Amino acid sequence: WDGLVRAGYLRGIPADPDGFVFVLDPWTGDVRMAADSTL
């Protein structure tokens, strides 16, 4: 996420609507919910 922010793709670390940061697979680029997300 930090790399994508520095490269200008994102404005900040992305989180779900309840405030839990999304999990990014660094090798495949897949995105999933945080394991403790209330959603």
Full PDB file with SEQRES, HELIX, SHEET, SSBOND, CRYST1, ORIGX, SCALE, CONECT and MASTER records, all heavy atoms in Angstrom:
SEQRES   1 A   39  TRP ASP GLY LEU VAL ARG ALA GLY TYR LEU ARG GLY ILE          
SEQRES   2 A   39  PRO ALA ASP PRO ASP GLY PHE VAL PHE VAL LEU ASP PRO          
SEQRES   3 A   39  TRP THR GLY ASP VAL ARG MET ALA ALA ASP SER THR LEU          
HELIX    1 AA1 ASP A    2  ARG A    6  1                                   5    
SHEET    1 AA1 2 VAL A  23  LEU A  24  0                                        
SHEET    2 AA1 2 VAL A  31  ARG A  32 -1                                        
CRYST1    1.000    1.000    1.000  90.00  90.00  90.00 P 1           1          
ORIGX1      1.000000  0.000000  0.000000        0.00000                         
ORIGX2      0.000000  1.000000  0.000000        0.00000                         
ORIGX3      0.000000  0.000000  1.000000        0.00000                         
SCALE1      1.000000  0.000000  0.000000        0.00000                         
SCALE2      0.000000  1.000000  0.000000        0.00000                         
SCALE3      0.000000  0.000000  1.000000        0.00000                         
ATOM      1  N   TRP A   1       0.837  -1.197   0.000  1.00  0.00           N  
ATOM      2  CA  TRP A   1       0.000   0.000   0.000  1.00  0.00           C  
ATOM      3  C   TRP A   1       0.873   1.248   0.000  1.00  0.00           C  
ATOM      4  O   TRP A   1       0.576   2.218  -0.726  1.00  0.00           O  
ATOM      5  CB  TRP A   1      -0.921   0.017   1.211  1.00  0.00           C  
ATOM      6  CG  TRP A   1      -2.020  -1.016   1.246  1.00  0.00           C  
ATOM      7  CD1 TRP A   1      -2.394  -1.784   2.302  1.00  0.00           C  
ATOM      8  CD2 TRP A   1      -2.933  -1.348   0.187  1.00  0.00           C  
ATOM      9  NE1 TRP A   1      -3.450  -2.604   1.978  1.00  0.00           N  
ATOM     10  CE2 TRP A   1      -3.806  -2.350   0.688  1.00  0.00           C  
ATOM     11  CE3 TRP A   1      -3.076  -0.918  -1.132  1.00  0.00           C  
ATOM     12  CZ2 TRP A   1      -4.812  -2.915  -0.101  1.00  0.00           C  
ATOM     13  CZ3 TRP A   1      -4.086  -1.482  -1.914  1.00  0.00           C  
ATOM     14  CH2 TRP A   1      -4.936  -2.457  -1.402  1.00  0.00           C  
ATOM     15  N   ASP A   2       1.939   1.240   0.811  1.00  0.00           N  
ATOM     16  CA  ASP A   2       2.829   2.402   0.854  1.00  0.00           C  
ATOM     17  C   ASP A   2       3.431   2.680  -0.519  1.00  0.00           C  
ATOM     18  O   ASP A   2       3.534   3.843  -0.946  1.00  0.00           O  
ATOM     19  CB  ASP A   2       3.949   2.165   1.869  1.00  0.00           C  
ATOM     20  CG  ASP A   2       3.463   2.280   3.311  1.00  0.00           C  
ATOM     21  OD1 ASP A   2       2.469   3.008   3.532  1.00  0.00           O  
ATOM     22  OD2 ASP A   2       4.067   1.648   4.194  1.00  0.00           O  
ATOM     23  N   GLY A   3       3.813   1.605  -1.233  1.00  0.00           N  
ATOM     24  CA  GLY A   3       4.392   1.780  -2.559  1.00  0.00           C  
ATOM     25  C   GLY A   3       3.388   2.377  -3.537  1.00  0.00           C  
ATOM     26  O   GLY A   3       3.734   3.235  -4.361  1.00  0.00           O  
ATOM     27  N   LEU A   4       2.154   1.933  -3.459  1.00  0.00           N  
ATOM     28  CA  LEU A   4       1.117   2.461  -4.346  1.00  0.00           C  
ATOM     29  C   LEU A   4       0.802   3.920  -4.021  1.00  0.00           C  
ATOM     30  O   LEU A   4       0.497   4.718  -4.927  1.00  0.00           O  
ATOM     31  CB  LEU A   4      -0.148   1.608  -4.237  1.00  0.00           C  
ATOM     32  CG  LEU A   4      -0.037   0.181  -4.807  1.00  0.00           C  
ATOM     33  CD1 LEU A   4      -1.298  -0.616  -4.490  1.00  0.00           C  
ATOM     34  CD2 LEU A   4       0.200   0.219  -6.314  1.00  0.00           C  
ATOM     35  N   VAL A   5       0.893   4.291  -2.730  1.00  0.00           N  
ATOM     36  CA  VAL A   5       0.684   5.687  -2.345  1.00  0.00           C  
ATOM     37  C   VAL A   5       1.816   6.546  -2.885  1.00  0.00           C  
ATOM     38  O   VAL A   5       1.587   7.621  -3.465  1.00  0.00           O  
ATOM     39  CB  VAL A   5       0.562   5.809  -0.813  1.00  0.00           C  
ATOM     40  CG1 VAL A   5       0.563   7.286  -0.397  1.00  0.00           C  
ATOM     41  CG2 VAL A   5      -0.704   5.129  -0.312  1.00  0.00           C  
ATOM     42  N   ARG A   6       3.063   6.077  -2.704  1.00  0.00           N  
ATOM     43  CA  ARG A   6       4.215   6.849  -3.188  1.00  0.00           C  
ATOM     44  C   ARG A   6       4.197   7.006  -4.704  1.00  0.00           C  
ATOM     45  O   ARG A   6       4.624   8.034  -5.243  1.00  0.00           O  
ATOM     46  CB  ARG A   6       5.516   6.181  -2.750  1.00  0.00           C  
ATOM     47  CG  ARG A   6       5.819   6.311  -1.266  1.00  0.00           C  
ATOM     48  CD  ARG A   6       7.255   5.951  -0.962  1.00  0.00           C  
ATOM     49  NE  ARG A   6       7.550   4.571  -1.332  1.00  0.00           N  
ATOM     50  CZ  ARG A   6       7.393   3.535  -0.518  1.00  0.00           C  
ATOM     51  NH1 ARG A   6       6.929   3.739   0.720  1.00  0.00           N  
ATOM     52  NH2 ARG A   6       7.680   2.314  -0.917  1.00  0.00           N  
ATOM     53  N   ALA A   7       3.681   5.972  -5.401  1.00  0.00           N  
ATOM     54  CA  ALA A   7       3.631   6.022  -6.865  1.00  0.00           C  
ATOM     55  C   ALA A   7       2.462   6.876  -7.367  1.00  0.00           C  
ATOM     56  O   ALA A   7       2.329   7.092  -8.578  1.00  0.00           O  
ATOM     57  CB  ALA A   7       3.524   4.612  -7.428  1.00  0.00           C  
ATOM     58  N   GLY A   8       1.628   7.372  -6.466  1.00  0.00           N  
ATOM     59  CA  GLY A   8       0.537   8.246  -6.855  1.00  0.00           C  
ATOM     60  C   GLY A   8      -0.745   7.541  -7.248  1.00  0.00           C  
ATOM     61  O   GLY A   8      -1.697   8.184  -7.719  1.00  0.00           O  
ATOM     62  N   TYR A   9      -0.819   6.214  -7.038  1.00  0.00           N  
ATOM     63  CA  TYR A   9      -2.032   5.480  -7.386  1.00  0.00           C  
ATOM     64  C   TYR A   9      -3.126   5.657  -6.329  1.00  0.00           C  
ATOM     65  O   TYR A   9      -4.317   5.553  -6.635  1.00  0.00           O  
ATOM     66  CB  TYR A   9      -1.728   3.993  -7.548  1.00  0.00           C  
ATOM     67  CG  TYR A   9      -0.948   3.658  -8.788  1.00  0.00           C  
ATOM     68  CD1 TYR A   9       0.423   3.470  -8.743  1.00  0.00           C  
ATOM     69  CD2 TYR A   9      -1.577   3.541 -10.024  1.00  0.00           C  
ATOM     70  CE1 TYR A   9       1.152   3.158  -9.880  1.00  0.00           C  
ATOM     71  CE2 TYR A   9      -0.862   3.230 -11.174  1.00  0.00           C  
ATOM     72  CZ  TYR A   9       0.507   3.045 -11.094  1.00  0.00           C  
ATOM     73  OH  TYR A   9       1.217   2.743 -12.225  1.00  0.00           O  
ATOM     74  N   LEU A  10      -2.701   5.875  -5.093  1.00  0.00           N  
ATOM     75  CA  LEU A  10      -3.659   6.013  -3.992  1.00  0.00           C  
ATOM     76  C   LEU A  10      -3.312   7.249  -3.168  1.00  0.00           C  
ATOM     77  O   LEU A  10      -2.143   7.643  -3.092  1.00  0.00           O  
ATOM     78  CB  LEU A  10      -3.630   4.774  -3.086  1.00  0.00           C  
ATOM     79  CG  LEU A  10      -3.995   3.417  -3.710  1.00  0.00           C  
ATOM     80  CD1 LEU A  10      -3.730   2.294  -2.704  1.00  0.00           C  
ATOM     81  CD2 LEU A  10      -5.451   3.394  -4.165  1.00  0.00           C  
ATOM     82  N   ARG A  11      -4.344   7.811  -2.521  1.00  0.00           N  
ATOM     83  CA  ARG A  11      -4.102   8.969  -1.657  1.00  0.00           C  
ATOM     84  C   ARG A  11      -3.712   8.576  -0.249  1.00  0.00           C  
ATOM     85  O   ARG A  11      -3.156   9.376   0.497  1.00  0.00           O  
ATOM     86  CB  ARG A  11      -5.373   9.829  -1.604  1.00  0.00           C  
ATOM     87  CG  ARG A  11      -5.724  10.480  -2.939  1.00  0.00           C  
ATOM     88  CD  ARG A  11      -6.956  11.351  -2.797  1.00  0.00           C  
ATOM     89  NE  ARG A  11      -7.308  12.001  -4.047  1.00  0.00           N  
ATOM     90  CZ  ARG A  11      -8.345  12.823  -4.200  1.00  0.00           C  
ATOM     91  NH1 ARG A  11      -9.138  13.070  -3.153  1.00  0.00           N  
ATOM     92  NH2 ARG A  11      -8.600  13.363  -5.368  1.00  0.00           N  
ATOM     93  N   GLY A  12      -4.046   7.353   0.125  1.00  0.00           N  
ATOM     94  CA  GLY A  12      -3.732   6.899   1.471  1.00  0.00           C  
ATOM     95  C   GLY A  12      -3.953   5.412   1.589  1.00  0.00           C  
ATOM     96  O   GLY A  12      -4.374   4.751   0.630  1.00  0.00           O  
ATOM     97  N   ILE A  13      -3.667   4.859   2.755  1.00  0.00           N  
ATOM     98  CA  ILE A  13      -3.851   3.432   2.989  1.00  0.00           C  
ATOM     99  C   ILE A  13      -5.351   3.137   2.991  1.00  0.00           C  
ATOM    100  O   ILE A  13      -6.092   3.713   3.797  1.00  0.00           O  
ATOM    101  CB  ILE A  13      -3.226   3.002   4.328  1.00  0.00           C  
ATOM    102  CG1 ILE A  13      -1.760   3.433   4.385  1.00  0.00           C  
ATOM    103  CG2 ILE A  13      -3.355   1.496   4.511  1.00  0.00           C  
ATOM    104  CD1 ILE A  13      -0.895   2.858   3.292  1.00  0.00           C  
ATOM    105  N   PRO A  14      -5.835   2.250   2.123  1.00  0.00           N  
ATOM    106  CA  PRO A  14      -7.275   2.038   2.002  1.00  0.00           C  
ATOM    107  C   PRO A  14      -7.832   1.151   3.111  1.00  0.00           C  
ATOM    108  O   PRO A  14      -7.221   0.168   3.521  1.00  0.00           O  
ATOM    109  CB  PRO A  14      -7.414   1.357   0.641  1.00  0.00           C  
ATOM    110  CG  PRO A  14      -6.119   0.632   0.451  1.00  0.00           C  
ATOM    111  CD  PRO A  14      -5.067   1.477   1.112  1.00  0.00           C  
ATOM    112  N   ALA A  15      -9.017   1.519   3.569  1.00  0.00           N  
ATOM    113  CA  ALA A  15      -9.712   0.752   4.605  1.00  0.00           C  
ATOM    114  C   ALA A  15     -11.161   0.538   4.184  1.00  0.00           C  
ATOM    115  O   ALA A  15     -11.698   1.269   3.336  1.00  0.00           O  
ATOM    116  CB  ALA A  15      -9.657   1.485   5.944  1.00  0.00           C  
ATOM    117  N   ASP A  16     -11.784  -0.479   4.767  1.00  0.00           N  
ATOM    118  CA  ASP A  16     -13.187  -0.743   4.451  1.00  0.00           C  
ATOM    119  C   ASP A  16     -14.076   0.300   5.148  1.00  0.00           C  
ATOM    120  O   ASP A  16     -13.579   1.104   5.953  1.00  0.00           O  
ATOM    121  CB  ASP A  16     -13.569  -2.180   4.826  1.00  0.00           C  
ATOM    122  CG  ASP A  16     -13.609  -2.452   6.324  1.00  0.00           C  
ATOM    123  OD1 ASP A  16     -13.939  -1.531   7.106  1.00  0.00           O  
ATOM    124  OD2 ASP A  16     -13.317  -3.585   6.744  1.00  0.00           O  
ATOM    125  N   PRO A  17     -15.374   0.320   4.844  1.00  0.00           N  
ATOM    126  CA  PRO A  17     -16.253   1.346   5.427  1.00  0.00           C  
ATOM    127  C   PRO A  17     -16.323   1.346   6.943  1.00  0.00           C  
ATOM    128  O   PRO A  17     -16.725   2.356   7.530  1.00  0.00           O  
ATOM    129  CB  PRO A  17     -17.619   1.010   4.815  1.00  0.00           C  
ATOM    130  CG  PRO A  17     -17.301   0.372   3.511  1.00  0.00           C  
ATOM    131  CD  PRO A  17     -16.075  -0.457   3.788  1.00  0.00           C  
ATOM    132  N   ASP A  18     -15.944   0.250   7.589  1.00  0.00           N  
ATOM    133  CA  ASP A  18     -15.920   0.220   9.056  1.00  0.00           C  
ATOM    134  C   ASP A  18     -14.546   0.563   9.619  1.00  0.00           C  
ATOM    135  O   ASP A  18     -14.330   0.474  10.831  1.00  0.00           O  
ATOM    136  CB  ASP A  18     -16.377  -1.158   9.562  1.00  0.00           C  
ATOM    137  CG  ASP A  18     -17.899  -1.276   9.570  1.00  0.00           C  
ATOM    138  OD1 ASP A  18     -18.565  -0.376   9.018  1.00  0.00           O  
ATOM    139  OD2 ASP A  18     -18.421  -2.268  10.110  1.00  0.00           O  
ATOM    140  N   GLY A  19     -13.593   0.921   8.743  1.00  0.00           N  
ATOM    141  CA  GLY A  19     -12.295   1.403   9.199  1.00  0.00           C  
ATOM    142  C   GLY A  19     -11.191   0.369   9.293  1.00  0.00           C  
ATOM    143  O   GLY A  19     -10.097   0.688   9.774  1.00  0.00           O  
ATOM    144  N   PHE A  20     -11.416  -0.854   8.823  1.00  0.00           N  
ATOM    145  CA  PHE A  20     -10.394  -1.887   8.878  1.00  0.00           C  
ATOM    146  C   PHE A  20      -9.586  -1.883   7.574  1.00  0.00           C  
ATOM    147  O   PHE A  20     -10.164  -1.925   6.484  1.00  0.00           O  
ATOM    148  CB  PHE A  20     -11.016  -3.264   9.107  1.00  0.00           C  
ATOM    149  CG  PHE A  20     -11.681  -3.392  10.455  1.00  0.00           C  
ATOM    150  CD1 PHE A  20     -12.977  -2.936  10.654  1.00  0.00           C  
ATOM    151  CD2 PHE A  20     -10.999  -3.939  11.535  1.00  0.00           C  
ATOM    152  CE1 PHE A  20     -13.606  -3.041  11.886  1.00  0.00           C  
ATOM    153  CE2 PHE A  20     -11.619  -4.056  12.776  1.00  0.00           C  
ATOM    154  CZ  PHE A  20     -12.912  -3.600  12.951  1.00  0.00           C  
ATOM    155  N   VAL A  21      -8.257  -1.828   7.703  1.00  0.00           N  
ATOM    156  CA  VAL A  21      -7.389  -1.723   6.530  1.00  0.00           C  
ATOM    157  C   VAL A  21      -7.474  -2.998   5.694  1.00  0.00           C  
ATOM    158  O   VAL A  21      -7.415  -4.118   6.219  1.00  0.00           O  
ATOM    159  CB  VAL A  21      -5.924  -1.482   6.968  1.00  0.00           C  
ATOM    160  CG1 VAL A  21      -4.982  -1.518   5.764  1.00  0.00           C  
ATOM    161  CG2 VAL A  21      -5.820  -0.131   7.677  1.00  0.00           C  
ATOM    162  N   PHE A  22      -7.632  -2.822   4.383  1.00  0.00           N  
ATOM    163  CA  PHE A  22      -7.651  -3.968   3.483  1.00  0.00           C  
ATOM    164  C   PHE A  22      -6.287  -4.660   3.471  1.00  0.00           C  
ATOM    165  O   PHE A  22      -5.243  -4.025   3.682  1.00  0.00           O  
ATOM    166  CB  PHE A  22      -7.994  -3.524   2.055  1.00  0.00           C  
ATOM    167  CG  PHE A  22      -9.415  -3.109   1.856  1.00  0.00           C  
ATOM    168  CD1 PHE A  22      -9.729  -1.787   1.557  1.00  0.00           C  
ATOM    169  CD2 PHE A  22     -10.445  -4.032   1.958  1.00  0.00           C  
ATOM    170  CE1 PHE A  22     -11.045  -1.403   1.359  1.00  0.00           C  
ATOM    171  CE2 PHE A  22     -11.776  -3.654   1.763  1.00  0.00           C  
ATOM    172  CZ  PHE A  22     -12.062  -2.333   1.468  1.00  0.00           C  
ATOM    173  N   VAL A  23      -6.304  -5.951   3.211  1.00  0.00           N  
ATOM    174  CA  VAL A  23      -5.069  -6.743   3.135  1.00  0.00           C  
ATOM    175  C   VAL A  23      -4.701  -6.915   1.663  1.00  0.00           C  
ATOM    176  O   VAL A  23      -5.524  -7.349   0.855  1.00  0.00           O  
ATOM    177  CB  VAL A  23      -5.262  -8.120   3.800  1.00  0.00           C  
ATOM    178  CG1 VAL A  23      -3.999  -8.962   3.646  1.00  0.00           C  
ATOM    179  CG2 VAL A  23      -5.629  -7.952   5.273  1.00  0.00           C  
ATOM    180  N   LEU A  24      -3.465  -6.572   1.322  1.00  0.00           N  
ATOM    181  CA  LEU A  24      -2.974  -6.676  -0.050  1.00  0.00           C  
ATOM    182  C   LEU A  24      -1.953  -7.802  -0.147  1.00  0.00           C  
ATOM    183  O   LEU A  24      -0.974  -7.816   0.614  1.00  0.00           O  
ATOM    184  CB  LEU A  24      -2.331  -5.354  -0.475  1.00  0.00           C  
ATOM    185  CG  LEU A  24      -1.599  -5.343  -1.817  1.00  0.00           C  
ATOM    186  CD1 LEU A  24      -2.581  -5.563  -2.968  1.00  0.00           C  
ATOM    187  CD2 LEU A  24      -0.840  -4.027  -2.010  1.00  0.00           C  
ATOM    188  N   ASP A  25      -2.174  -8.751  -1.055  1.00  0.00           N  
ATOM    189  CA  ASP A  25      -1.182  -9.791  -1.308  1.00  0.00           C  
ATOM    190  C   ASP A  25      -0.060  -9.161  -2.140  1.00  0.00           C  
ATOM    191  O   ASP A  25      -0.289  -8.717  -3.264  1.00  0.00           O  
ATOM    192  CB  ASP A  25      -1.805 -10.949  -2.079  1.00  0.00           C  
ATOM    193  CG  ASP A  25      -0.859 -12.129  -2.214  1.00  0.00           C  
ATOM    194  OD1 ASP A  25       0.265 -11.936  -2.723  1.00  0.00           O  
ATOM    195  OD2 ASP A  25      -1.243 -13.249  -1.832  1.00  0.00           O  
ATOM    196  N   PRO A  26       1.161  -9.106  -1.597  1.00  0.00           N  
ATOM    197  CA  PRO A  26       2.232  -8.363  -2.282  1.00  0.00           C  
ATOM    198  C   PRO A  26       2.687  -8.983  -3.591  1.00  0.00           C  
ATOM    199  O   PRO A  26       3.321  -8.305  -4.396  1.00  0.00           O  
ATOM    200  CB  PRO A  26       3.355  -8.358  -1.241  1.00  0.00           C  
ATOM    201  CG  PRO A  26       3.101  -9.549  -0.388  1.00  0.00           C  
ATOM    202  CD  PRO A  26       1.610  -9.696  -0.328  1.00  0.00           C  
ATOM    203  N   TRP A  27       2.383 -10.258  -3.817  1.00  0.00           N  
ATOM    204  CA  TRP A  27       2.884 -10.937  -5.014  1.00  0.00           C  
ATOM    205  C   TRP A  27       1.807 -11.114  -6.078  1.00  0.00           C  
ATOM    206  O   TRP A  27       2.106 -11.068  -7.274  1.00  0.00           O  
ATOM    207  CB  TRP A  27       3.474 -12.306  -4.637  1.00  0.00           C  
ATOM    208  CG  TRP A  27       4.584 -12.159  -3.632  1.00  0.00           C  
ATOM    209  CD1 TRP A  27       4.539 -12.457  -2.314  1.00  0.00           C  
ATOM    210  CD2 TRP A  27       5.875 -11.612  -3.872  1.00  0.00           C  
ATOM    211  NE1 TRP A  27       5.726 -12.152  -1.688  1.00  0.00           N  
ATOM    212  CE2 TRP A  27       6.576 -11.628  -2.630  1.00  0.00           C  
ATOM    213  CE3 TRP A  27       6.528 -11.105  -4.996  1.00  0.00           C  
ATOM    214  CZ2 TRP A  27       7.871 -11.167  -2.496  1.00  0.00           C  
ATOM    215  CZ3 TRP A  27       7.838 -10.640  -4.875  1.00  0.00           C  
ATOM    216  CH2 TRP A  27       8.496 -10.672  -3.636  1.00  0.00           C  
ATOM    217  N   THR A  28       0.568 -11.310  -5.671  1.00  0.00           N  
ATOM    218  CA  THR A  28      -0.494 -11.501  -6.660  1.00  0.00           C  
ATOM    219  C   THR A  28      -1.315 -10.236  -6.906  1.00  0.00           C  
ATOM    220  O   THR A  28      -2.004 -10.119  -7.917  1.00  0.00           O  
ATOM    221  CB  THR A  28      -1.460 -12.609  -6.207  1.00  0.00           C  
ATOM    222  OG1 THR A  28      -2.188 -12.169  -5.044  1.00  0.00           O  
ATOM    223  CG2 THR A  28      -0.710 -13.896  -5.885  1.00  0.00           C  
ATOM    224  N   GLY A  29      -1.269  -9.299  -5.968  1.00  0.00           N  
ATOM    225  CA  GLY A  29      -2.072  -8.095  -6.097  1.00  0.00           C  
ATOM    226  C   GLY A  29      -3.517  -8.284  -5.671  1.00  0.00           C  
ATOM    227  O   GLY A  29      -4.338  -7.374  -5.838  1.00  0.00           O  
ATOM    228  N   ASP A  30      -3.836  -9.449  -5.125  1.00  0.00           N  
ATOM    229  CA  ASP A  30      -5.204  -9.670  -4.671  1.00  0.00           C  
ATOM    230  C   ASP A  30      -5.466  -8.858  -3.403  1.00  0.00           C  
ATOM    231  O   ASP A  30      -4.550  -8.559  -2.633  1.00  0.00           O  
ATOM    232  CB  ASP A  30      -5.446 -11.152  -4.394  1.00  0.00           C  
ATOM    233  CG  ASP A  30      -6.918 -11.461  -4.161  1.00  0.00           C  
ATOM    234  OD1 ASP A  30      -7.754 -10.738  -4.735  1.00  0.00           O  
ATOM    235  OD2 ASP A  30      -7.224 -12.400  -3.410  1.00  0.00           O  
ATOM    236  N   VAL A  31      -6.730  -8.494  -3.191  1.00  0.00           N  
ATOM    237  CA  VAL A  31      -7.130  -7.686  -2.043  1.00  0.00           C  
ATOM    238  C   VAL A  31      -8.233  -8.419  -1.297  1.00  0.00           C  
ATOM    239  O   VAL A  31      -9.151  -8.959  -1.918  1.00  0.00           O  
ATOM    240  CB  VAL A  31      -7.632  -6.296  -2.484  1.00  0.00           C  
ATOM    241  CG1 VAL A  31      -8.035  -5.458  -1.273  1.00  0.00           C  
ATOM    242  CG2 VAL A  31      -6.564  -5.575  -3.300  1.00  0.00           C  
ATOM    243  N   ARG A  32      -8.146  -8.441   0.019  1.00  0.00           N  
ATOM    244  CA  ARG A  32      -9.184  -9.085   0.827  1.00  0.00           C  
ATOM    245  C   ARG A  32      -9.435  -8.267   2.083  1.00  0.00           C  
ATOM    246  O   ARG A  32      -8.686  -7.332   2.400  1.00  0.00           O  
ATOM    247  CB  ARG A  32      -8.782 -10.522   1.198  1.00  0.00           C  
ATOM    248  CG  ARG A  32      -7.557 -10.635   2.069  1.00  0.00           C  
ATOM    249  CD  ARG A  32      -7.211 -12.106   2.350  1.00  0.00           C  
ATOM    250  NE  ARG A  32      -6.111 -12.246   3.284  1.00  0.00           N  
ATOM    251  CZ  ARG A  32      -4.828 -12.227   2.950  1.00  0.00           C  
ATOM    252  NH1 ARG A  32      -4.490 -12.062   1.666  1.00  0.00           N  
ATOM    253  NH2 ARG A  32      -3.880 -12.358   3.862  1.00  0.00           N  
ATOM    254  N   MET A  33     -10.485  -8.646   2.794  1.00  0.00           N  
ATOM    255  CA  MET A  33     -10.848  -7.958   4.029  1.00  0.00           C  
ATOM    256  C   MET A  33      -9.896  -8.343   5.153  1.00  0.00           C  
ATOM    257  O   MET A  33      -9.353  -9.459   5.181  1.00  0.00           O  
ATOM    258  CB  MET A  33     -12.265  -8.328   4.438  1.00  0.00           C  
ATOM    259  CG  MET A  33     -13.339  -8.038   3.399  1.00  0.00           C  
ATOM    260  SD  MET A  33     -13.737  -6.298   3.263  1.00  0.00           S  
ATOM    261  CE  MET A  33     -14.647  -6.027   4.778  1.00  0.00           C  
ATOM    262  N   ALA A  34      -9.731  -7.436   6.112  1.00  0.00           N  
ATOM    263  CA  ALA A  34      -8.994  -7.778   7.325  1.00  0.00           C  
ATOM    264  C   ALA A  34      -9.746  -8.874   8.073  1.00  0.00           C  
ATOM    265  O   ALA A  34     -10.983  -8.887   8.091  1.00  0.00           O  
ATOM    266  CB  ALA A  34      -8.823  -6.548   8.206  1.00  0.00           C  
ATOM    267  N   ALA A  35      -8.990  -9.778   8.679  1.00  0.00           N  
ATOM    268  CA  ALA A  35      -9.608 -10.932   9.334  1.00  0.00           C  
ATOM    269  C   ALA A  35     -10.538 -10.529  10.469  1.00  0.00           C  
ATOM    270  O   ALA A  35     -11.485 -11.257  10.796  1.00  0.00           O  
ATOM    271  CB  ALA A  35      -8.522 -11.873   9.861  1.00  0.00           C  
ATOM    272  N   ASP A  36     -10.286  -9.357  11.076  1.00  0.00           N  
ATOM    273  CA  ASP A  36     -11.111  -8.922  12.202  1.00  0.00           C  
ATOM    274  C   ASP A  36     -12.140  -7.870  11.805  1.00  0.00           C  
ATOM    275  O   ASP A  36     -12.762  -7.236  12.671  1.00  0.00           O  
ATOM    276  CB  ASP A  36     -10.235  -8.389  13.334  1.00  0.00           C  
ATOM    277  CG  ASP A  36      -9.342  -7.231  12.893  1.00  0.00           C  
ATOM    278  OD1 ASP A  36      -9.172  -7.033  11.661  1.00  0.00           O  
ATOM    279  OD2 ASP A  36      -8.793  -6.529  13.773  1.00  0.00           O  
ATOM    280  N   SER A  37     -12.363  -7.685  10.512  1.00  0.00           N  
ATOM    281  CA  SER A  37     -13.327  -6.674  10.076  1.00  0.00           C  
ATOM    282  C   SER A  37     -14.729  -7.019  10.569  1.00  0.00           C  
ATOM    283  O   SER A  37     -15.155  -8.178  10.521  1.00  0.00           O  
ATOM    284  CB  SER A  37     -13.331  -6.562   8.552  1.00  0.00           C  
ATOM    285  OG  SER A  37     -14.374  -5.703   8.116  1.00  0.00           O  
ATOM    286  N   THR A  38     -15.442  -5.999  10.995  1.00  0.00           N  
ATOM    287  CA  THR A  38     -16.807  -6.189  11.475  1.00  0.00           C  
ATOM    288  C   THR A  38     -17.789  -6.424  10.325  1.00  0.00           C  
ATOM    289  O   THR A  38     -18.966  -6.712  10.577  1.00  0.00           O  
ATOM    290  CB  THR A  38     -17.263  -4.953  12.276  1.00  0.00           C  
ATOM    291  OG1 THR A  38     -17.002  -3.770  11.513  1.00  0.00           O  
ATOM    292  CG2 THR A  38     -16.511  -4.873  13.596  1.00  0.00           C  
ATOM    293  N   LEU A  39     -17.328  -6.328   9.086  1.00  0.00           N  
ATOM    294  CA  LEU A  39     -18.197  -6.569   7.934  1.00  0.00           C  
ATOM    295  C   LEU A  39     -18.140  -8.016   7.448  1.00  0.00           C  
ATOM    296  O   LEU A  39     -18.866  -8.383   6.528  1.00  0.00           O  
ATOM    297  CB  LEU A  39     -17.830  -5.631   6.783  1.00  0.00           C  
ATOM    298  CG  LEU A  39     -18.093  -4.143   7.043  1.00  0.00           C  
ATOM    299  CD1 LEU A  39     -17.637  -3.304   5.860  1.00  0.00           C  
ATOM    300  CD2 LEU A  39     -19.573  -3.900   7.328  1.00  0.00           C  
TER     301      LEU A  39                                                      
MASTER        0    0    0    1    2    0    0    6  300    1    0    3          
END                                                                             
